[in-house]
Amino acid sequence: MDLKDMVVTIQWKASILDTIRERPAMYLGVKSLTALWHFLQGYEMARLRSEAEPLPELPQHFADWVGYRLHLSGNCDGFWHHAILSRVRDEALALDRFYELLDEFGRREAKVVARIRVDSREYTVRLRGEDGRFVDRIEQLPDSLRIVVYTEDPGFFLVADEDEHFFFDGCFINALDSWKVPSLNHRFNVVDEGIWNRLIDEDKRYRRNLKRKRARIQMKKCETSGEDKLHP
């Protein structure tokens, strides 16, 4: 028999994630979310080294979706496996949860809560210049900017039309006051009053928790300072 007749061809599906889902131990060595994470990192590295066009296996902002659904304060800087494992400690169960979240992401439908007011798009950002000094610069929010939600989970997403470049498009924000643009809750025309009131309540809790956190940090500093004085 010719050697080429002995070659086994694997029937790859549209996404390698679909293939791994059916037989995770075969491709990862063990059913584990961390193993999947490292597999995907190596997969992308191999694509880059072979100069093949990189094809992202996960949808953009999937990490934001994970943070949203798991009630986290953000997207864990893109490390979605850490986010999931913070809620599901078992590696095998965490892998199952990953695929559940991925399926949800594909089925999600946005509900518009509010739209940006035309007269409230400008805001000021403070940037450090080349000379090291800070300067204020006027920026504008997109004309199509919307606040949307997908479920009843805390937080929301900022969405703009594709033709308007917006760095935070599709990003998860856990509270109105947690974003860098000041007075965000006064810049929108409300479309859904019920959900908007829920976001306002969430924002009040966010500010209370932030105040408590700052108080604890200040107390710890005072305690440390007192110990230093006792033990010079």
C-alpha atoms as a PDB file:
ATOM      1  CA  MET A   1       0.000   0.000   0.000  1.00  0.00           C
ATOM      2  CA  ASP A   2       1.272   3.429  -0.932  1.00  0.00           C
ATOM      3  CA  LEU A   3       2.150   5.597   2.072  1.00  0.00           C
ATOM      4  CA  LYS A   4      -0.090   8.401   0.900  1.00  0.00           C
ATOM      5  CA  ASP A   5      -3.065   6.045   1.048  1.00  0.00           C
ATOM      6  CA  MET A   6      -2.440   5.573   4.753  1.00  0.00           C
ATOM      7  CA  VAL A   7      -2.745   9.269   5.609  1.00  0.00           C
ATOM      8  CA  VAL A   8      -5.763   9.967   7.780  1.00  0.00           C
ATOM      9  CA  THR A   9      -7.502  13.236   6.950  1.00  0.00           C
ATOM     10  CA  ILE A  10      -9.276  15.038   9.770  1.00  0.00           C
ATOM     11  CA  GLN A  11     -12.527  16.650   8.706  1.00  0.00           C
ATOM     12  CA  TRP A  12     -12.189  20.098  10.221  1.00  0.00           C
ATOM     13  CA  LYS A  13     -15.355  22.002  10.944  1.00  0.00           C
ATOM     14  CA  ALA A  14     -15.954  25.716  10.355  1.00  0.00           C
ATOM     15  CA  SER A  15     -14.191  26.483  13.640  1.00  0.00           C
ATOM     16  CA  ILE A  16     -11.568  24.500  15.454  1.00  0.00           C
ATOM     17  CA  LEU A  17     -13.591  25.191  18.592  1.00  0.00           C
ATOM     18  CA  ASP A  18     -16.414  23.052  17.185  1.00  0.00           C
ATOM     19  CA  THR A  19     -13.972  20.213  16.627  1.00  0.00           C
ATOM     20  CA  ILE A  20     -12.516  20.451  20.133  1.00  0.00           C
ATOM     21  CA  ARG A  21     -16.001  20.600  21.636  1.00  0.00           C
ATOM     22  CA  GLU A  22     -16.813  17.080  20.432  1.00  0.00           C
ATOM     23  CA  ARG A  23     -13.565  15.473  21.632  1.00  0.00           C
ATOM     24  CA  PRO A  24     -11.713  17.831  23.996  1.00  0.00           C
ATOM     25  CA  ALA A  25      -9.382  15.192  25.455  1.00  0.00           C
ATOM     26  CA  MET A  26      -8.228  14.191  21.970  1.00  0.00           C
ATOM     27  CA  TYR A  27      -6.995  17.694  21.113  1.00  0.00           C
ATOM     28  CA  LEU A  28      -6.194  19.124  24.547  1.00  0.00           C
ATOM     29  CA  GLY A  29      -4.936  16.004  26.322  1.00  0.00           C
ATOM     30  CA  VAL A  30      -7.486  16.597  29.076  1.00  0.00           C
ATOM     31  CA  LYS A  31     -10.888  18.256  29.314  1.00  0.00           C
ATOM     32  CA  SER A  32      -9.746  21.580  30.732  1.00  0.00           C
ATOM     33  CA  LEU A  33     -10.487  25.258  30.106  1.00  0.00           C
ATOM     34  CA  THR A  34      -6.881  26.237  30.821  1.00  0.00           C
ATOM     35  CA  ALA A  35      -5.705  23.634  28.310  1.00  0.00           C
ATOM     36  CA  LEU A  36      -8.034  25.164  25.712  1.00  0.00           C
ATOM     37  CA  TRP A  37      -6.646  28.638  26.437  1.00  0.00           C
ATOM     38  CA  HIS A  38      -3.046  27.464  25.890  1.00  0.00           C
ATOM     39  CA  PHE A  39      -4.070  25.490  22.799  1.00  0.00           C
ATOM     40  CA  LEU A  40      -5.593  28.607  21.223  1.00  0.00           C
ATOM     41  CA  GLN A  41      -2.514  30.691  22.092  1.00  0.00           C
ATOM     42  CA  GLY A  42      -0.287  28.131  20.370  1.00  0.00           C
ATOM     43  CA  TYR A  43      -2.709  27.878  17.453  1.00  0.00           C
ATOM     44  CA  GLU A  44      -2.542  31.634  16.834  1.00  0.00           C
ATOM     45  CA  MET A  45       1.244  31.672  17.259  1.00  0.00           C
ATOM     46  CA  ALA A  46       1.578  28.931  14.636  1.00  0.00           C
ATOM     47  CA  ARG A  47      -0.567  30.946  12.237  1.00  0.00           C
ATOM     48  CA  LEU A  48       1.595  34.020  12.757  1.00  0.00           C
ATOM     49  CA  ARG A  49       4.867  32.129  12.304  1.00  0.00           C
ATOM     50  CA  SER A  50       3.607  30.479   9.131  1.00  0.00           C
ATOM     51  CA  GLU A  51       2.566  33.928   7.860  1.00  0.00           C
ATOM     52  CA  ALA A  52      -0.956  32.636   7.351  1.00  0.00           C
ATOM     53  CA  GLU A  53      -3.739  35.143   7.784  1.00  0.00           C
ATOM     54  CA  PRO A  54      -4.817  34.956  11.436  1.00  0.00           C
ATOM     55  CA  LEU A  55      -8.431  33.924  11.839  1.00  0.00           C
ATOM     56  CA  PRO A  56      -9.689  34.647  15.351  1.00  0.00           C
ATOM     57  CA  GLU A  57     -11.470  31.629  16.761  1.00  0.00           C
ATOM     58  CA  LEU A  58     -13.406  33.707  19.285  1.00  0.00           C
ATOM     59  CA  PRO A  59     -15.735  36.601  18.433  1.00  0.00           C
ATOM     60  CA  GLN A  60     -14.550  40.086  19.279  1.00  0.00           C
ATOM     61  CA  HIS A  61     -15.564  41.221  22.770  1.00  0.00           C
ATOM     62  CA  PHE A  62     -16.233  37.660  23.941  1.00  0.00           C
ATOM     63  CA  ALA A  63     -14.288  38.509  27.108  1.00  0.00           C
ATOM     64  CA  ASP A  64     -16.672  41.426  27.683  1.00  0.00           C
ATOM     65  CA  TRP A  65     -19.597  39.040  27.361  1.00  0.00           C
ATOM     66  CA  VAL A  66     -18.027  36.727  29.946  1.00  0.00           C
ATOM     67  CA  GLY A  67     -17.575  39.623  32.379  1.00  0.00           C
ATOM     68  CA  TYR A  68     -21.177  40.688  31.818  1.00  0.00           C
ATOM     69  CA  ARG A  69     -22.756  37.262  32.293  1.00  0.00           C
ATOM     70  CA  LEU A  70     -20.598  36.359  35.296  1.00  0.00           C
ATOM     71  CA  HIS A  71     -21.256  39.677  37.078  1.00  0.00           C
ATOM     72  CA  LEU A  72     -17.631  40.812  37.090  1.00  0.00           C
ATOM     73  CA  SER A  73     -16.402  44.413  37.138  1.00  0.00           C
ATOM     74  CA  GLY A  74     -14.883  44.168  33.651  1.00  0.00           C
ATOM     75  CA  ASN A  75     -13.517  41.821  31.014  1.00  0.00           C
ATOM     76  CA  CYS A  76     -10.452  40.683  33.043  1.00  0.00           C
ATOM     77  CA  ASP A  77      -8.231  42.383  30.441  1.00  0.00           C
ATOM     78  CA  GLY A  78      -9.234  39.774  27.879  1.00  0.00           C
ATOM     79  CA  PHE A  79      -8.247  36.761  30.005  1.00  0.00           C
ATOM     80  CA  TRP A  80     -11.667  35.102  29.737  1.00  0.00           C
ATOM     81  CA  HIS A  81     -10.382  31.781  31.090  1.00  0.00           C
ATOM     82  CA  HIS A  82      -9.415  33.433  34.391  1.00  0.00           C
ATOM     83  CA  ALA A  83     -12.842  35.072  34.529  1.00  0.00           C
ATOM     84  CA  ILE A  84     -14.684  31.780  34.060  1.00  0.00           C
ATOM     85  CA  LEU A  85     -12.440  29.915  36.506  1.00  0.00           C
ATOM     86  CA  SER A  86     -13.145  32.596  39.126  1.00  0.00           C
ATOM     87  CA  ARG A  87     -16.732  31.346  39.099  1.00  0.00           C
ATOM     88  CA  VAL A  88     -16.298  27.661  38.137  1.00  0.00           C
ATOM     89  CA  ARG A  89     -13.260  26.104  39.821  1.00  0.00           C
ATOM     90  CA  ASP A  90     -13.461  22.685  38.170  1.00  0.00           C
ATOM     91  CA  GLU A  91     -11.548  22.750  34.864  1.00  0.00           C
ATOM     92  CA  ALA A  92     -13.881  20.336  33.040  1.00  0.00           C
ATOM     93  CA  LEU A  93     -17.028  22.150  34.179  1.00  0.00           C
ATOM     94  CA  ALA A  94     -15.385  25.467  33.330  1.00  0.00           C
ATOM     95  CA  LEU A  95     -14.871  24.230  29.754  1.00  0.00           C
ATOM     96  CA  ASP A  96     -18.572  23.373  29.551  1.00  0.00           C
ATOM     97  CA  ARG A  97     -19.415  26.849  30.859  1.00  0.00           C
ATOM     98  CA  PHE A  98     -17.152  28.374  28.216  1.00  0.00           C
ATOM     99  CA  TYR A  99     -19.138  26.729  25.426  1.00  0.00           C
ATOM    100  CA  GLU A 100     -22.421  27.767  27.042  1.00  0.00           C
ATOM    101  CA  LEU A 101     -21.260  31.384  27.070  1.00  0.00           C
ATOM    102  CA  LEU A 102     -20.056  31.093  23.479  1.00  0.00           C
ATOM    103  CA  ASP A 103     -23.467  29.778  22.388  1.00  0.00           C
ATOM    104  CA  GLU A 104     -25.202  32.592  24.258  1.00  0.00           C
ATOM    105  CA  PHE A 105     -22.991  35.155  22.559  1.00  0.00           C
ATOM    106  CA  GLY A 106     -24.046  33.876  19.153  1.00  0.00           C
ATOM    107  CA  ARG A 107     -27.758  34.084  20.025  1.00  0.00           C
ATOM    108  CA  ARG A 108     -27.775  37.398  21.880  1.00  0.00           C
ATOM    109  CA  GLU A 109     -30.055  40.231  20.811  1.00  0.00           C
ATOM    110  CA  ALA A 110     -29.443  43.824  21.833  1.00  0.00           C
ATOM    111  CA  LYS A 111     -32.081  45.951  23.541  1.00  0.00           C
ATOM    112  CA  VAL A 112     -31.493  49.704  23.223  1.00  0.00           C
ATOM    113  CA  VAL A 113     -31.821  51.507  26.560  1.00  0.00           C
ATOM    114  CA  ALA A 114     -30.721  55.043  25.619  1.00  0.00           C
ATOM    115  CA  ARG A 115     -29.283  57.094  22.723  1.00  0.00           C
ATOM    116  CA  ILE A 116     -26.689  59.851  22.913  1.00  0.00           C
ATOM    117  CA  ARG A 117     -27.982  63.428  22.954  1.00  0.00           C
ATOM    118  CA  VAL A 118     -26.634  65.514  20.078  1.00  0.00           C
ATOM    119  CA  ASP A 119     -25.840  68.405  22.418  1.00  0.00           C
ATOM    120  CA  SER A 120     -23.950  66.211  24.920  1.00  0.00           C
ATOM    121  CA  ARG A 121     -21.310  64.520  22.787  1.00  0.00           C
ATOM    122  CA  GLU A 122     -18.321  66.637  23.816  1.00  0.00           C
ATOM    123  CA  TYR A 123     -16.144  65.732  26.762  1.00  0.00           C
ATOM    124  CA  THR A 124     -12.656  66.609  27.991  1.00  0.00           C
ATOM    125  CA  VAL A 125      -9.786  64.189  28.413  1.00  0.00           C
ATOM    126  CA  ARG A 126      -6.501  64.952  30.139  1.00  0.00           C
ATOM    127  CA  LEU A 127      -3.440  63.673  28.304  1.00  0.00           C
ATOM    128  CA  ARG A 128       0.257  63.836  29.089  1.00  0.00           C
ATOM    129  CA  GLY A 129       2.217  65.767  26.471  1.00  0.00           C
ATOM    130  CA  GLU A 130       5.723  65.048  25.197  1.00  0.00           C
ATOM    131  CA  ASP A 131       7.093  67.535  27.730  1.00  0.00           C
ATOM    132  CA  GLY A 132       5.501  65.536  30.565  1.00  0.00           C
ATOM    133  CA  ARG A 133       2.838  68.114  31.347  1.00  0.00           C
ATOM    134  CA  PHE A 134      -0.866  67.320  31.228  1.00  0.00           C
ATOM    135  CA  VAL A 135      -3.055  69.041  28.654  1.00  0.00           C
ATOM    136  CA  ASP A 136      -6.827  68.965  28.185  1.00  0.00           C
ATOM    137  CA  ARG A 137      -8.251  67.873  24.842  1.00  0.00           C
ATOM    138  CA  ILE A 138     -11.839  68.000  23.609  1.00  0.00           C
ATOM    139  CA  GLU A 139     -13.209  64.693  22.302  1.00  0.00           C
ATOM    140  CA  GLN A 140     -16.602  63.777  20.845  1.00  0.00           C
ATOM    141  CA  LEU A 141     -18.722  60.698  21.419  1.00  0.00           C
ATOM    142  CA  PRO A 142     -20.162  59.075  18.266  1.00  0.00           C
ATOM    143  CA  ASP A 143     -23.432  60.479  16.972  1.00  0.00           C
ATOM    144  CA  SER A 144     -24.852  56.935  16.850  1.00  0.00           C
ATOM    145  CA  LEU A 145     -23.740  55.926  20.354  1.00  0.00           C
ATOM    146  CA  ARG A 146     -26.251  53.743  22.207  1.00  0.00           C
ATOM    147  CA  ILE A 147     -26.450  52.021  25.571  1.00  0.00           C
ATOM    148  CA  VAL A 148     -27.673  48.454  25.108  1.00  0.00           C
ATOM    149  CA  VAL A 149     -28.280  45.398  27.282  1.00  0.00           C
ATOM    150  CA  TYR A 150     -28.812  41.769  26.367  1.00  0.00           C
ATOM    151  CA  THR A 151     -30.031  40.214  29.604  1.00  0.00           C
ATOM    152  CA  GLU A 152     -31.038  41.311  33.101  1.00  0.00           C
ATOM    153  CA  ASP A 153     -27.435  41.033  34.296  1.00  0.00           C
ATOM    154  CA  PRO A 154     -25.858  44.155  35.844  1.00  0.00           C
ATOM    155  CA  GLY A 155     -24.065  46.555  33.522  1.00  0.00           C
ATOM    156  CA  PHE A 156     -24.430  47.495  29.873  1.00  0.00           C
ATOM    157  CA  PHE A 157     -22.608  47.818  26.551  1.00  0.00           C
ATOM    158  CA  LEU A 158     -21.722  50.863  24.465  1.00  0.00           C
ATOM    159  CA  VAL A 159     -22.463  50.417  20.759  1.00  0.00           C
ATOM    160  CA  ALA A 160     -21.941  52.693  17.743  1.00  0.00           C
ATOM    161  CA  ASP A 161     -22.442  52.290  13.987  1.00  0.00           C
ATOM    162  CA  GLU A 162     -19.609  50.658  12.053  1.00  0.00           C
ATOM    163  CA  ASP A 163     -18.822  53.805  10.056  1.00  0.00           C
ATOM    164  CA  GLU A 164     -18.059  55.738  13.265  1.00  0.00           C
ATOM    165  CA  HIS A 165     -14.763  54.720  14.804  1.00  0.00           C
ATOM    166  CA  PHE A 166     -15.197  54.296  18.536  1.00  0.00           C
ATOM    167  CA  PHE A 167     -12.566  52.626  20.669  1.00  0.00           C
ATOM    168  CA  PHE A 168     -15.073  51.361  23.233  1.00  0.00           C
ATOM    169  CA  ASP A 169     -17.574  50.012  20.707  1.00  0.00           C
ATOM    170  CA  GLY A 170     -18.966  46.720  22.022  1.00  0.00           C
ATOM    171  CA  CYS A 171     -17.278  47.039  25.421  1.00  0.00           C
ATOM    172  CA  PHE A 172     -18.912  46.003  28.676  1.00  0.00           C
ATOM    173  CA  ILE A 173     -19.298  48.756  31.300  1.00  0.00           C
ATOM    174  CA  ASN A 174     -20.311  47.634  34.786  1.00  0.00           C
ATOM    175  CA  ALA A 175     -21.733  51.002  35.957  1.00  0.00           C
ATOM    176  CA  LEU A 176     -22.527  54.431  34.540  1.00  0.00           C
ATOM    177  CA  ASP A 177     -19.954  56.142  36.767  1.00  0.00           C
ATOM    178  CA  SER A 178     -17.230  53.548  36.159  1.00  0.00           C
ATOM    179  CA  TRP A 179     -16.445  54.812  32.650  1.00  0.00           C
ATOM    180  CA  LYS A 180     -13.939  57.614  32.057  1.00  0.00           C
ATOM    181  CA  VAL A 181     -16.474  60.019  30.463  1.00  0.00           C
ATOM    182  CA  PRO A 182     -17.976  62.171  33.262  1.00  0.00           C
ATOM    183  CA  SER A 183     -21.747  62.516  33.768  1.00  0.00           C
ATOM    184  CA  LEU A 184     -22.510  59.691  31.373  1.00  0.00           C
ATOM    185  CA  ASN A 185     -26.029  59.287  32.761  1.00  0.00           C
ATOM    186  CA  HIS A 186     -26.884  62.878  31.727  1.00  0.00           C
ATOM    187  CA  ARG A 187     -25.763  62.515  28.121  1.00  0.00           C
ATOM    188  CA  PHE A 188     -28.486  60.199  26.827  1.00  0.00           C
ATOM    189  CA  ASN A 189     -32.121  60.271  25.809  1.00  0.00           C
ATOM    190  CA  VAL A 190     -33.807  57.347  27.541  1.00  0.00           C
ATOM    191  CA  VAL A 191     -35.601  54.800  25.350  1.00  0.00           C
ATOM    192  CA  ASP A 192     -36.479  52.164  27.966  1.00  0.00           C
ATOM    193  CA  GLU A 193     -37.333  53.816  31.297  1.00  0.00           C
ATOM    194  CA  GLY A 194     -37.538  50.565  33.273  1.00  0.00           C
ATOM    195  CA  ILE A 195     -34.069  49.317  32.347  1.00  0.00           C
ATOM    196  CA  TRP A 196     -32.605  52.816  32.683  1.00  0.00           C
ATOM    197  CA  ASN A 197     -33.880  53.049  36.268  1.00  0.00           C
ATOM    198  CA  ARG A 198     -32.248  49.695  36.938  1.00  0.00           C
ATOM    199  CA  LEU A 199     -28.924  51.037  35.622  1.00  0.00           C
ATOM    200  CA  ILE A 200     -29.291  54.094  37.859  1.00  0.00           C
ATOM    201  CA  ASP A 201     -29.845  51.840  40.902  1.00  0.00           C
ATOM    202  CA  GLU A 202     -26.813  49.758  39.929  1.00  0.00           C
ATOM    203  CA  ASP A 203     -24.763  52.929  39.647  1.00  0.00           C
ATOM    204  CA  LYS A 204     -25.787  54.000  43.162  1.00  0.00           C
ATOM    205  CA  ARG A 205     -24.623  50.616  44.508  1.00  0.00           C
ATOM    206  CA  TYR A 206     -21.383  50.952  42.556  1.00  0.00           C
ATOM    207  CA  ARG A 207     -20.669  54.364  44.113  1.00  0.00           C
ATOM    208  CA  ARG A 208     -21.500  53.102  47.631  1.00  0.00           C
ATOM    209  CA  ASN A 209     -19.204  50.099  47.212  1.00  0.00           C
ATOM    210  CA  LEU A 210     -16.458  52.307  45.789  1.00  0.00           C
ATOM    211  CA  LYS A 211     -16.747  54.641  48.780  1.00  0.00           C
ATOM    212  CA  ARG A 212     -16.475  51.686  51.189  1.00  0.00           C
ATOM    213  CA  LYS A 213     -13.458  50.331  49.302  1.00  0.00           C
ATOM    214  CA  ARG A 214     -11.680  53.675  49.457  1.00  0.00           C
ATOM    215  CA  ALA A 215     -12.468  53.947  53.182  1.00  0.00           C
ATOM    216  CA  ARG A 216     -10.958  50.494  53.810  1.00  0.00           C
ATOM    217  CA  ILE A 217      -7.831  51.426  51.852  1.00  0.00           C
ATOM    218  CA  GLN A 218      -7.468  54.681  53.809  1.00  0.00           C
ATOM    219  CA  MET A 219      -7.959  52.838  57.110  1.00  0.00           C
ATOM    220  CA  LYS A 220      -5.285  50.318  56.172  1.00  0.00           C
ATOM    221  CA  LYS A 221      -2.897  53.144  55.299  1.00  0.00           C
ATOM    222  CA  CYS A 222      -3.547  54.759  58.678  1.00  0.00           C
ATOM    223  CA  GLU A 223      -2.942  51.454  60.476  1.00  0.00           C
ATOM    224  CA  THR A 224       0.305  50.912  58.559  1.00  0.00           C
ATOM    225  CA  SER A 225       1.425  54.459  59.288  1.00  0.00           C
ATOM    226  CA  GLY A 226       0.687  53.940  63.009  1.00  0.00           C
ATOM    227  CA  GLU A 227       2.739  50.727  63.093  1.00  0.00           C
ATOM    228  CA  ASP A 228       5.659  52.489  61.400  1.00  0.00           C
ATOM    229  CA  LYS A 229       5.618  55.175  64.113  1.00  0.00           C
ATOM    230  CA  LEU A 230       5.595  52.536  66.862  1.00  0.00           C
ATOM    231  CA  HIS A 231       8.456  50.651  65.234  1.00  0.00           C
ATOM    232  CA  PRO A 232      10.823  53.244  63.707  1.00  0.00           C
END
